[in-house]
Amino acid sequence: VGALLTQWVAQDRRTAVRTDRKDDEYGDSELAAYNAML
């Protein structure tokens, strides 16, 4: 359980880093989509 939770947290961190890098280059796609919907 400890190893699995550690891997889970590490994967979430990697996903967050990739998302932040993508948003820095191309803008926050999720926020833009939300604003367009509104």
Full PDB file with SEQRES, HELIX, SHEET, SSBOND, CRYST1, ORIGX, SCALE, CONECT and MASTER records, all heavy atoms in Angstrom:
SEQRES   1 A   38  VAL GLY ALA LEU LEU THR GLN TRP VAL ALA GLN ASP ARG          
SEQRES   2 A   38  ARG THR ALA VAL ARG THR ASP ARG LYS ASP ASP GLU TYR          
SEQRES   3 A   38  GLY ASP SER GLU LEU ALA ALA TYR ASN ALA MET LEU              
HELIX    1 AA1 GLY A    2  TYR A   26  1                                  25    
HELIX    2 AA2 SER A   29  MET A   37  1                                   9    
CRYST1    1.000    1.000    1.000  90.00  90.00  90.00 P 1           1          
ORIGX1      1.000000  0.000000  0.000000        0.00000                         
ORIGX2      0.000000  1.000000  0.000000        0.00000                         
ORIGX3      0.000000  0.000000  1.000000        0.00000                         
SCALE1      1.000000  0.000000  0.000000        0.00000                         
SCALE2      0.000000  1.000000  0.000000        0.00000                         
SCALE3      0.000000  0.000000  1.000000        0.00000                         
ATOM      1  N   VAL A   1       0.838  -1.207   0.000  1.00  0.00           N  
ATOM      2  CA  VAL A   1       0.000   0.000   0.000  1.00  0.00           C  
ATOM      3  C   VAL A   1       0.867   1.248   0.000  1.00  0.00           C  
ATOM      4  O   VAL A   1       0.598   2.216  -0.735  1.00  0.00           O  
ATOM      5  CB  VAL A   1      -0.952  -0.009   1.216  1.00  0.00           C  
ATOM      6  CG1 VAL A   1      -1.641   1.344   1.371  1.00  0.00           C  
ATOM      7  CG2 VAL A   1      -1.986  -1.100   1.070  1.00  0.00           C  
ATOM      8  N   GLY A   2       1.932   1.241   0.816  1.00  0.00           N  
ATOM      9  CA  GLY A   2       2.832   2.391   0.832  1.00  0.00           C  
ATOM     10  C   GLY A   2       3.489   2.624  -0.516  1.00  0.00           C  
ATOM     11  O   GLY A   2       3.565   3.766  -0.998  1.00  0.00           O  
ATOM     12  N   ALA A   3       3.955   1.542  -1.154  1.00  0.00           N  
ATOM     13  CA  ALA A   3       4.584   1.687  -2.470  1.00  0.00           C  
ATOM     14  C   ALA A   3       3.583   2.157  -3.512  1.00  0.00           C  
ATOM     15  O   ALA A   3       3.901   3.002  -4.370  1.00  0.00           O  
ATOM     16  CB  ALA A   3       5.206   0.351  -2.894  1.00  0.00           C  
ATOM     17  N   LEU A   4       2.357   1.613  -3.454  1.00  0.00           N  
ATOM     18  CA  LEU A   4       1.337   1.988  -4.429  1.00  0.00           C  
ATOM     19  C   LEU A   4       0.942   3.456  -4.284  1.00  0.00           C  
ATOM     20  O   LEU A   4       0.808   4.180  -5.281  1.00  0.00           O  
ATOM     21  CB  LEU A   4       0.114   1.087  -4.263  1.00  0.00           C  
ATOM     22  CG  LEU A   4      -1.005   1.221  -5.300  1.00  0.00           C  
ATOM     23  CD1 LEU A   4      -0.464   0.950  -6.695  1.00  0.00           C  
ATOM     24  CD2 LEU A   4      -2.136   0.257  -4.970  1.00  0.00           C  
ATOM     25  N   LEU A   5       0.759   3.930  -3.041  1.00  0.00           N  
ATOM     26  CA  LEU A   5       0.415   5.335  -2.832  1.00  0.00           C  
ATOM     27  C   LEU A   5       1.549   6.252  -3.256  1.00  0.00           C  
ATOM     28  O   LEU A   5       1.321   7.337  -3.811  1.00  0.00           O  
ATOM     29  CB  LEU A   5       0.062   5.561  -1.358  1.00  0.00           C  
ATOM     30  CG  LEU A   5      -1.217   4.874  -0.859  1.00  0.00           C  
ATOM     31  CD1 LEU A   5      -1.429   5.125   0.629  1.00  0.00           C  
ATOM     32  CD2 LEU A   5      -2.429   5.342  -1.655  1.00  0.00           C  
ATOM     33  N   THR A   6       2.791   5.829  -2.999  1.00  0.00           N  
ATOM     34  CA  THR A   6       3.939   6.626  -3.429  1.00  0.00           C  
ATOM     35  C   THR A   6       3.973   6.749  -4.950  1.00  0.00           C  
ATOM     36  O   THR A   6       4.213   7.835  -5.499  1.00  0.00           O  
ATOM     37  CB  THR A   6       5.241   5.983  -2.921  1.00  0.00           C  
ATOM     38  OG1 THR A   6       5.196   5.907  -1.493  1.00  0.00           O  
ATOM     39  CG2 THR A   6       6.451   6.803  -3.347  1.00  0.00           C  
ATOM     40  N   GLN A   7       3.731   5.640  -5.659  1.00  0.00           N  
ATOM     41  CA  GLN A   7       3.691   5.691  -7.123  1.00  0.00           C  
ATOM     42  C   GLN A   7       2.537   6.567  -7.607  1.00  0.00           C  
ATOM     43  O   GLN A   7       2.665   7.305  -8.579  1.00  0.00           O  
ATOM     44  CB  GLN A   7       3.545   4.269  -7.679  1.00  0.00           C  
ATOM     45  CG  GLN A   7       4.744   3.370  -7.441  1.00  0.00           C  
ATOM     46  CD  GLN A   7       4.490   1.949  -7.906  1.00  0.00           C  
ATOM     47  OE1 GLN A   7       3.479   1.651  -8.531  1.00  0.00           O  
ATOM     48  NE2 GLN A   7       5.425   1.045  -7.602  1.00  0.00           N  
ATOM     49  N   TRP A   8       1.415   6.493  -6.921  1.00  0.00           N  
ATOM     50  CA  TRP A   8       0.239   7.289  -7.302  1.00  0.00           C  
ATOM     51  C   TRP A   8       0.538   8.780  -7.196  1.00  0.00           C  
ATOM     52  O   TRP A   8       0.269   9.566  -8.107  1.00  0.00           O  
ATOM     53  CB  TRP A   8      -0.920   6.914  -6.384  1.00  0.00           C  
ATOM     54  CG  TRP A   8      -2.274   7.285  -6.903  1.00  0.00           C  
ATOM     55  CD1 TRP A   8      -2.556   8.145  -7.932  1.00  0.00           C  
ATOM     56  CD2 TRP A   8      -3.520   6.809  -6.423  1.00  0.00           C  
ATOM     57  NE1 TRP A   8      -3.908   8.224  -8.122  1.00  0.00           N  
ATOM     58  CE2 TRP A   8      -4.526   7.412  -7.213  1.00  0.00           C  
ATOM     59  CE3 TRP A   8      -3.898   5.926  -5.416  1.00  0.00           C  
ATOM     60  CZ2 TRP A   8      -5.875   7.172  -6.998  1.00  0.00           C  
ATOM     61  CZ3 TRP A   8      -5.240   5.678  -5.209  1.00  0.00           C  
ATOM     62  CH2 TRP A   8      -6.221   6.283  -5.989  1.00  0.00           C  
ATOM     63  N   VAL A   9       1.119   9.177  -6.067  1.00  0.00           N  
ATOM     64  CA  VAL A   9       1.470  10.588  -5.865  1.00  0.00           C  
ATOM     65  C   VAL A   9       2.503  11.036  -6.886  1.00  0.00           C  
ATOM     66  O   VAL A   9       2.413  12.137  -7.458  1.00  0.00           O  
ATOM     67  CB  VAL A   9       1.981  10.801  -4.426  1.00  0.00           C  
ATOM     68  CG1 VAL A   9       2.546  12.209  -4.256  1.00  0.00           C  
ATOM     69  CG2 VAL A   9       0.864  10.551  -3.421  1.00  0.00           C  
ATOM     70  N   ALA A  10       3.512  10.185  -7.132  1.00  0.00           N  
ATOM     71  CA  ALA A  10       4.550  10.549  -8.097  1.00  0.00           C  
ATOM     72  C   ALA A  10       3.964  10.726  -9.492  1.00  0.00           C  
ATOM     73  O   ALA A  10       4.344  11.644 -10.234  1.00  0.00           O  
ATOM     74  CB  ALA A  10       5.642   9.488  -8.110  1.00  0.00           C  
ATOM     75  N   GLN A  11       3.013   9.852  -9.880  1.00  0.00           N  
ATOM     76  CA  GLN A  11       2.390   9.996 -11.195  1.00  0.00           C  
ATOM     77  C   GLN A  11       1.576  11.286 -11.280  1.00  0.00           C  
ATOM     78  O   GLN A  11       1.595  11.975 -12.302  1.00  0.00           O  
ATOM     79  CB  GLN A  11       1.500   8.796 -11.494  1.00  0.00           C  
ATOM     80  CG  GLN A  11       0.890   8.838 -12.894  1.00  0.00           C  
ATOM     81  CD  GLN A  11      -0.004   7.646 -13.161  1.00  0.00           C  
ATOM     82  OE1 GLN A  11      -0.471   7.000 -12.246  1.00  0.00           O  
ATOM     83  NE2 GLN A  11      -0.247   7.369 -14.417  1.00  0.00           N  
ATOM     84  N   ASP A  12       0.849  11.641 -10.215  1.00  0.00           N  
ATOM     85  CA  ASP A  12       0.086  12.888 -10.220  1.00  0.00           C  
ATOM     86  C   ASP A  12       1.012  14.094 -10.357  1.00  0.00           C  
ATOM     87  O   ASP A  12       0.687  15.072 -11.043  1.00  0.00           O  
ATOM     88  CB  ASP A  12      -0.740  12.994  -8.937  1.00  0.00           C  
ATOM     89  CG  ASP A  12      -1.931  12.041  -8.943  1.00  0.00           C  
ATOM     90  OD1 ASP A  12      -2.268  11.530 -10.030  1.00  0.00           O  
ATOM     91  OD2 ASP A  12      -2.496  11.790  -7.860  1.00  0.00           O  
ATOM     92  N   ARG A  13       2.166  14.027  -9.700  1.00  0.00           N  
ATOM     93  CA  ARG A  13       3.119  15.134  -9.816  1.00  0.00           C  
ATOM     94  C   ARG A  13       3.648  15.253 -11.240  1.00  0.00           C  
ATOM     95  O   ARG A  13       3.757  16.365 -11.776  1.00  0.00           O  
ATOM     96  CB  ARG A  13       4.282  14.923  -8.837  1.00  0.00           C  
ATOM     97  CG  ARG A  13       3.909  15.152  -7.374  1.00  0.00           C  
ATOM     98  CD  ARG A  13       5.091  14.834  -6.469  1.00  0.00           C  
ATOM     99  NE  ARG A  13       4.747  15.065  -5.062  1.00  0.00           N  
ATOM    100  CZ  ARG A  13       5.547  14.739  -4.048  1.00  0.00           C  
ATOM    101  NH1 ARG A  13       6.722  14.156  -4.289  1.00  0.00           N  
ATOM    102  NH2 ARG A  13       5.170  14.978  -2.810  1.00  0.00           N  
ATOM    103  N   ARG A  14       3.968  14.105 -11.848  1.00  0.00           N  
ATOM    104  CA  ARG A  14       4.458  14.155 -13.230  1.00  0.00           C  
ATOM    105  C   ARG A  14       3.381  14.691 -14.167  1.00  0.00           C  
ATOM    106  O   ARG A  14       3.660  15.457 -15.088  1.00  0.00           O  
ATOM    107  CB  ARG A  14       4.911  12.762 -13.677  1.00  0.00           C  
ATOM    108  CG  ARG A  14       6.193  12.284 -13.010  1.00  0.00           C  
ATOM    109  CD  ARG A  14       6.748  11.055 -13.723  1.00  0.00           C  
ATOM    110  NE  ARG A  14       5.839   9.921 -13.612  1.00  0.00           N  
ATOM    111  CZ  ARG A  14       5.897   9.009 -12.644  1.00  0.00           C  
ATOM    112  NH1 ARG A  14       6.807   9.113 -11.699  1.00  0.00           N  
ATOM    113  NH2 ARG A  14       5.036   7.996 -12.616  1.00  0.00           N  
ATOM    114  N   THR A  15       2.128  14.284 -13.935  1.00  0.00           N  
ATOM    115  CA  THR A  15       1.028  14.784 -14.763  1.00  0.00           C  
ATOM    116  C   THR A  15       0.855  16.284 -14.592  1.00  0.00           C  
ATOM    117  O   THR A  15       0.642  17.027 -15.570  1.00  0.00           O  
ATOM    118  CB  THR A  15      -0.279  14.059 -14.389  1.00  0.00           C  
ATOM    119  OG1 THR A  15      -0.099  12.655 -14.563  1.00  0.00           O  
ATOM    120  CG2 THR A  15      -1.425  14.534 -15.261  1.00  0.00           C  
ATOM    121  N   ALA A  16       0.966  16.751 -13.337  1.00  0.00           N  
ATOM    122  CA  ALA A  16       0.837  18.188 -13.087  1.00  0.00           C  
ATOM    123  C   ALA A  16       1.958  18.966 -13.754  1.00  0.00           C  
ATOM    124  O   ALA A  16       1.742  20.046 -14.329  1.00  0.00           O  
ATOM    125  CB  ALA A  16       0.825  18.450 -11.585  1.00  0.00           C  
ATOM    126  N   VAL A  17       3.178  18.436 -13.700  1.00  0.00           N  
ATOM    127  CA  VAL A  17       4.316  19.122 -14.340  1.00  0.00           C  
ATOM    128  C   VAL A  17       4.116  19.196 -15.842  1.00  0.00           C  
ATOM    129  O   VAL A  17       4.361  20.235 -16.481  1.00  0.00           O  
ATOM    130  CB  VAL A  17       5.625  18.392 -13.985  1.00  0.00           C  
ATOM    131  CG1 VAL A  17       6.777  18.922 -14.837  1.00  0.00           C  
ATOM    132  CG2 VAL A  17       5.943  18.569 -12.503  1.00  0.00           C  
ATOM    133  N   ARG A  18       3.660  18.081 -16.454  1.00  0.00           N  
ATOM    134  CA  ARG A  18       3.422  18.106 -17.898  1.00  0.00           C  
ATOM    135  C   ARG A  18       2.320  19.096 -18.260  1.00  0.00           C  
ATOM    136  O   ARG A  18       2.403  19.818 -19.255  1.00  0.00           O  
ATOM    137  CB  ARG A  18       3.053  16.699 -18.389  1.00  0.00           C  
ATOM    138  CG  ARG A  18       4.216  15.735 -18.448  1.00  0.00           C  
ATOM    139  CD  ARG A  18       3.862  14.518 -19.306  1.00  0.00           C  
ATOM    140  NE  ARG A  18       2.692  13.815 -18.779  1.00  0.00           N  
ATOM    141  CZ  ARG A  18       2.774  12.791 -17.910  1.00  0.00           C  
ATOM    142  NH1 ARG A  18       3.959  12.384 -17.489  1.00  0.00           N  
ATOM    143  NH2 ARG A  18       1.663  12.193 -17.486  1.00  0.00           N  
ATOM    144  N   THR A  19       1.260  19.142 -17.459  1.00  0.00           N  
ATOM    145  CA  THR A  19       0.159  20.071 -17.736  1.00  0.00           C  
ATOM    146  C   THR A  19       0.618  21.516 -17.616  1.00  0.00           C  
ATOM    147  O   THR A  19       0.280  22.362 -18.458  1.00  0.00           O  
ATOM    148  CB  THR A  19      -0.998  19.803 -16.765  1.00  0.00           C  
ATOM    149  OG1 THR A  19      -1.420  18.444 -16.901  1.00  0.00           O  
ATOM    150  CG2 THR A  19      -2.174  20.719 -17.056  1.00  0.00           C  
ATOM    151  N   ASP A  20       1.404  21.807 -16.565  1.00  0.00           N  
ATOM    152  CA  ASP A  20       1.907  23.173 -16.397  1.00  0.00           C  
ATOM    153  C   ASP A  20       2.817  23.573 -17.545  1.00  0.00           C  
ATOM    154  O   ASP A  20       2.756  24.718 -18.033  1.00  0.00           O  
ATOM    155  CB  ASP A  20       2.658  23.293 -15.071  1.00  0.00           C  
ATOM    156  CG  ASP A  20       1.723  23.163 -13.868  1.00  0.00           C  
ATOM    157  OD1 ASP A  20       0.511  23.343 -14.058  1.00  0.00           O  
ATOM    158  OD2 ASP A  20       2.226  22.874 -12.763  1.00  0.00           O  
ATOM    159  N   ARG A  21       3.654  22.642 -17.994  1.00  0.00           N  
ATOM    160  CA  ARG A  21       4.551  22.959 -19.101  1.00  0.00           C  
ATOM    161  C   ARG A  21       3.754  23.229 -20.379  1.00  0.00           C  
ATOM    162  O   ARG A  21       4.050  24.152 -21.144  1.00  0.00           O  
ATOM    163  CB  ARG A  21       5.533  21.809 -19.330  1.00  0.00           C  
ATOM    164  CG  ARG A  21       6.610  22.131 -20.361  1.00  0.00           C  
ATOM    165  CD  ARG A  21       7.512  20.937 -20.620  1.00  0.00           C  
ATOM    166  NE  ARG A  21       8.152  20.482 -19.410  1.00  0.00           N  
ATOM    167  CZ  ARG A  21       7.966  19.293 -18.862  1.00  0.00           C  
ATOM    168  NH1 ARG A  21       7.113  18.439 -19.427  1.00  0.00           N  
ATOM    169  NH2 ARG A  21       8.584  18.945 -17.755  1.00  0.00           N  
ATOM    170  N   LYS A  22       2.700  22.419 -20.591  1.00  0.00           N  
ATOM    171  CA  LYS A  22       1.864  22.620 -21.776  1.00  0.00           C  
ATOM    172  C   LYS A  22       1.126  23.951 -21.707  1.00  0.00           C  
ATOM    173  O   LYS A  22       1.014  24.672 -22.706  1.00  0.00           O  
ATOM    174  CB  LYS A  22       0.873  21.462 -21.887  1.00  0.00           C  
ATOM    175  CG  LYS A  22      -0.066  21.559 -23.082  1.00  0.00           C  
ATOM    176  CD  LYS A  22      -1.022  20.387 -23.108  1.00  0.00           C  
ATOM    177  CE  LYS A  22      -1.995  20.501 -24.282  1.00  0.00           C  
ATOM    178  NZ  LYS A  22      -2.963  19.374 -24.305  1.00  0.00           N  
ATOM    179  N   ASP A  23       0.626  24.302 -20.505  1.00  0.00           N  
ATOM    180  CA  ASP A  23      -0.091  25.564 -20.360  1.00  0.00           C  
ATOM    181  C   ASP A  23       0.833  26.765 -20.534  1.00  0.00           C  
ATOM    182  O   ASP A  23       0.427  27.809 -21.055  1.00  0.00           O  
ATOM    183  CB  ASP A  23      -0.766  25.621 -18.988  1.00  0.00           C  
ATOM    184  CG  ASP A  23      -1.907  24.613 -18.872  1.00  0.00           C  
ATOM    185  OD1 ASP A  23      -2.393  24.163 -19.926  1.00  0.00           O  
ATOM    186  OD2 ASP A  23      -2.302  24.280 -17.736  1.00  0.00           O  
ATOM    187  N   ASP A  24       2.095  26.608 -20.094  1.00  0.00           N  
ATOM    188  CA  ASP A  24       3.038  27.700 -20.286  1.00  0.00           C  
ATOM    189  C   ASP A  24       3.314  27.950 -21.752  1.00  0.00           C  
ATOM    190  O   ASP A  24       3.540  29.097 -22.181  1.00  0.00           O  
ATOM    191  CB  ASP A  24       4.350  27.400 -19.550  1.00  0.00           C  
ATOM    192  CG  ASP A  24       4.174  27.455 -18.036  1.00  0.00           C  
ATOM    193  OD1 ASP A  24       3.191  28.092 -17.583  1.00  0.00           O  
ATOM    194  OD2 ASP A  24       5.002  26.856 -17.315  1.00  0.00           O  
ATOM    195  N   GLU A  25       3.322  26.889 -22.562  1.00  0.00           N  
ATOM    196  CA  GLU A  25       3.641  27.034 -23.979  1.00  0.00           C  
ATOM    197  C   GLU A  25       2.420  27.395 -24.811  1.00  0.00           C  
ATOM    198  O   GLU A  25       2.501  28.204 -25.736  1.00  0.00           O  
ATOM    199  CB  GLU A  25       4.254  25.729 -24.510  1.00  0.00           C  
ATOM    200  CG  GLU A  25       5.621  25.420 -23.917  1.00  0.00           C  
ATOM    201  CD  GLU A  25       6.223  24.171 -24.523  1.00  0.00           C  
ATOM    202  OE1 GLU A  25       5.697  23.721 -25.561  1.00  0.00           O  
ATOM    203  OE2 GLU A  25       7.211  23.651 -23.979  1.00  0.00           O  
ATOM    204  N   TYR A  26       1.275  26.772 -24.482  1.00  0.00           N  
ATOM    205  CA  TYR A  26       0.101  26.926 -25.340  1.00  0.00           C  
ATOM    206  C   TYR A  26      -1.089  27.578 -24.637  1.00  0.00           C  
ATOM    207  O   TYR A  26      -2.159  27.697 -25.227  1.00  0.00           O  
ATOM    208  CB  TYR A  26      -0.349  25.558 -25.874  1.00  0.00           C  
ATOM    209  CG  TYR A  26       0.735  24.819 -26.607  1.00  0.00           C  
ATOM    210  CD1 TYR A  26       1.388  23.747 -26.005  1.00  0.00           C  
ATOM    211  CD2 TYR A  26       1.111  25.200 -27.892  1.00  0.00           C  
ATOM    212  CE1 TYR A  26       2.394  23.065 -26.671  1.00  0.00           C  
ATOM    213  CE2 TYR A  26       2.115  24.524 -28.565  1.00  0.00           C  
ATOM    214  CZ  TYR A  26       2.746  23.456 -27.949  1.00  0.00           C  
ATOM    215  OH  TYR A  26       3.740  22.790 -28.601  1.00  0.00           O  
ATOM    216  N   GLY A  27      -0.915  27.995 -23.380  1.00  0.00           N  
ATOM    217  CA  GLY A  27      -2.028  28.569 -22.647  1.00  0.00           C  
ATOM    218  C   GLY A  27      -2.789  27.503 -21.896  1.00  0.00           C  
ATOM    219  O   GLY A  27      -2.655  26.307 -22.149  1.00  0.00           O  
ATOM    220  N   ASP A  28      -3.633  27.975 -20.959  1.00  0.00           N  
ATOM    221  CA  ASP A  28      -4.421  27.055 -20.141  1.00  0.00           C  
ATOM    222  C   ASP A  28      -5.616  26.570 -20.952  1.00  0.00           C  
ATOM    223  O   ASP A  28      -6.649  27.246 -21.047  1.00  0.00           O  
ATOM    224  CB  ASP A  28      -4.882  27.766 -18.865  1.00  0.00           C  
ATOM    225  CG  ASP A  28      -5.423  26.779 -17.836  1.00  0.00           C  
ATOM    226  OD1 ASP A  28      -5.859  25.697 -18.261  1.00  0.00           O  
ATOM    227  OD2 ASP A  28      -5.399  27.092 -16.639  1.00  0.00           O  
ATOM    228  N   SER A  29      -5.514  25.437 -21.554  1.00  0.00           N  
ATOM    229  CA  SER A  29      -6.555  24.923 -22.441  1.00  0.00           C  
ATOM    230  C   SER A  29      -7.849  24.636 -21.692  1.00  0.00           C  
ATOM    231  O   SER A  29      -8.941  24.871 -22.201  1.00  0.00           O  
ATOM    232  CB  SER A  29      -6.063  23.659 -23.148  1.00  0.00           C  
ATOM    233  OG  SER A  29      -5.670  22.688 -22.193  1.00  0.00           O  
ATOM    234  N   GLU A  30      -7.749  24.112 -20.472  1.00  0.00           N  
ATOM    235  CA  GLU A  30      -8.950  23.808 -19.721  1.00  0.00           C  
ATOM    236  C   GLU A  30      -9.705  25.081 -19.346  1.00  0.00           C  
ATOM    237  O   GLU A  30     -10.939  25.148 -19.432  1.00  0.00           O  
ATOM    238  CB  GLU A  30      -8.579  23.015 -18.457  1.00  0.00           C  
ATOM    239  CG  GLU A  30      -8.028  21.620 -18.754  1.00  0.00           C  
ATOM    240  CD  GLU A  30      -7.724  20.858 -17.479  1.00  0.00           C  
ATOM    241  OE1 GLU A  30      -7.954  21.437 -16.388  1.00  0.00           O  
ATOM    242  OE2 GLU A  30      -7.275  19.715 -17.569  1.00  0.00           O  
ATOM    243  N   LEU A  31      -8.976  26.160 -18.910  1.00  0.00           N  
ATOM    244  CA  LEU A  31      -9.622  27.425 -18.571  1.00  0.00           C  
ATOM    245  C   LEU A  31     -10.247  28.063 -19.800  1.00  0.00           C  
ATOM    246  O   LEU A  31     -11.369  28.594 -19.741  1.00  0.00           O  
ATOM    247  CB  LEU A  31      -8.599  28.382 -17.936  1.00  0.00           C  
ATOM    248  CG  LEU A  31      -9.123  29.762 -17.519  1.00  0.00           C  
ATOM    249  CD1 LEU A  31     -10.244  29.615 -16.484  1.00  0.00           C  
ATOM    250  CD2 LEU A  31      -7.980  30.617 -16.963  1.00  0.00           C  
ATOM    251  N   ALA A  32      -9.547  28.000 -20.941  1.00  0.00           N  
ATOM    252  CA  ALA A  32     -10.098  28.573 -22.162  1.00  0.00           C  
ATOM    253  C   ALA A  32     -11.374  27.847 -22.577  1.00  0.00           C  
ATOM    254  O   ALA A  32     -12.358  28.475 -23.002  1.00  0.00           O  
ATOM    255  CB  ALA A  32      -9.053  28.500 -23.276  1.00  0.00           C  
ATOM    256  N   ALA A  33     -11.373  26.544 -22.456  1.00  0.00           N  
ATOM    257  CA  ALA A  33     -12.577  25.786 -22.808  1.00  0.00           C  
ATOM    258  C   ALA A  33     -13.734  26.131 -21.881  1.00  0.00           C  
ATOM    259  O   ALA A  33     -14.894  26.244 -22.303  1.00  0.00           O  
ATOM    260  CB  ALA A  33     -12.270  24.286 -22.758  1.00  0.00           C  
ATOM    261  N   TYR A  34     -13.432  26.329 -20.592  1.00  0.00           N  
ATOM    262  CA  TYR A  34     -14.480  26.686 -19.636  1.00  0.00           C  
ATOM    263  C   TYR A  34     -15.074  28.059 -19.944  1.00  0.00           C  
ATOM    264  O   TYR A  34     -16.300  28.247 -19.931  1.00  0.00           O  
ATOM    265  CB  TYR A  34     -13.896  26.657 -18.227  1.00  0.00           C  
ATOM    266  CG  TYR A  34     -14.892  26.982 -17.134  1.00  0.00           C  
ATOM    267  CD1 TYR A  34     -15.918  26.104 -16.815  1.00  0.00           C  
ATOM    268  CD2 TYR A  34     -14.803  28.183 -16.433  1.00  0.00           C  
ATOM    269  CE1 TYR A  34     -16.839  26.403 -15.821  1.00  0.00           C  
ATOM    270  CE2 TYR A  34     -15.711  28.495 -15.439  1.00  0.00           C  
ATOM    271  CZ  TYR A  34     -16.731  27.601 -15.130  1.00  0.00           C  
ATOM    272  OH  TYR A  34     -17.636  27.915 -14.154  1.00  0.00           O  
ATOM    273  N   ASN A  35     -14.193  29.025 -20.268  1.00  0.00           N  
ATOM    274  CA  ASN A  35     -14.670  30.362 -20.612  1.00  0.00           C  
ATOM    275  C   ASN A  35     -15.509  30.340 -21.890  1.00  0.00           C  
ATOM    276  O   ASN A  35     -16.524  31.042 -22.006  1.00  0.00           O  
ATOM    277  CB  ASN A  35     -13.499  31.324 -20.764  1.00  0.00           C  
ATOM    278  CG  ASN A  35     -12.836  31.620 -19.418  1.00  0.00           C  
ATOM    279  OD1 ASN A  35     -13.493  31.555 -18.372  1.00  0.00           O  
ATOM    280  ND2 ASN A  35     -11.549  31.955 -19.441  1.00  0.00           N  
ATOM    281  N   ALA A  36     -15.086  29.544 -22.878  1.00  0.00           N  
ATOM    282  CA  ALA A  36     -15.852  29.445 -24.120  1.00  0.00           C  
ATOM    283  C   ALA A  36     -17.238  28.861 -23.863  1.00  0.00           C  
ATOM    284  O   ALA A  36     -18.234  29.279 -24.461  1.00  0.00           O  
ATOM    285  CB  ALA A  36     -15.094  28.592 -25.128  1.00  0.00           C  
ATOM    286  N   MET A  37     -17.316  27.896 -22.953  1.00  0.00           N  
ATOM    287  CA  MET A  37     -18.606  27.315 -22.628  1.00  0.00           C  
ATOM    288  C   MET A  37     -19.526  28.351 -21.983  1.00  0.00           C  
ATOM    289  O   MET A  37     -20.716  28.450 -22.301  1.00  0.00           O  
ATOM    290  CB  MET A  37     -18.410  26.130 -21.681  1.00  0.00           C  
ATOM    291  CG  MET A  37     -19.711  25.411 -21.316  1.00  0.00           C  
ATOM    292  SD  MET A  37     -19.500  24.283 -19.931  1.00  0.00           S  
ATOM    293  CE  MET A  37     -19.230  25.460 -18.600  1.00  0.00           C  
ATOM    294  N   LEU A  38     -18.957  29.166 -21.070  1.00  0.00           N  
ATOM    295  CA  LEU A  38     -19.758  30.197 -20.429  1.00  0.00           C  
ATOM    296  C   LEU A  38     -20.256  31.229 -21.442  1.00  0.00           C  
ATOM    297  O   LEU A  38     -21.393  31.699 -21.374  1.00  0.00           O  
ATOM    298  CB  LEU A  38     -18.940  30.882 -19.326  1.00  0.00           C  
ATOM    299  CG  LEU A  38     -18.609  30.020 -18.093  1.00  0.00           C  
ATOM    300  CD1 LEU A  38     -17.760  30.810 -17.110  1.00  0.00           C  
ATOM    301  CD2 LEU A  38     -19.872  29.514 -17.419  1.00  0.00           C  
TER     302      LEU A  38                                                      
MASTER        0    0    0    2    0    0    0    6  301    1    0    3          
END                                                                             
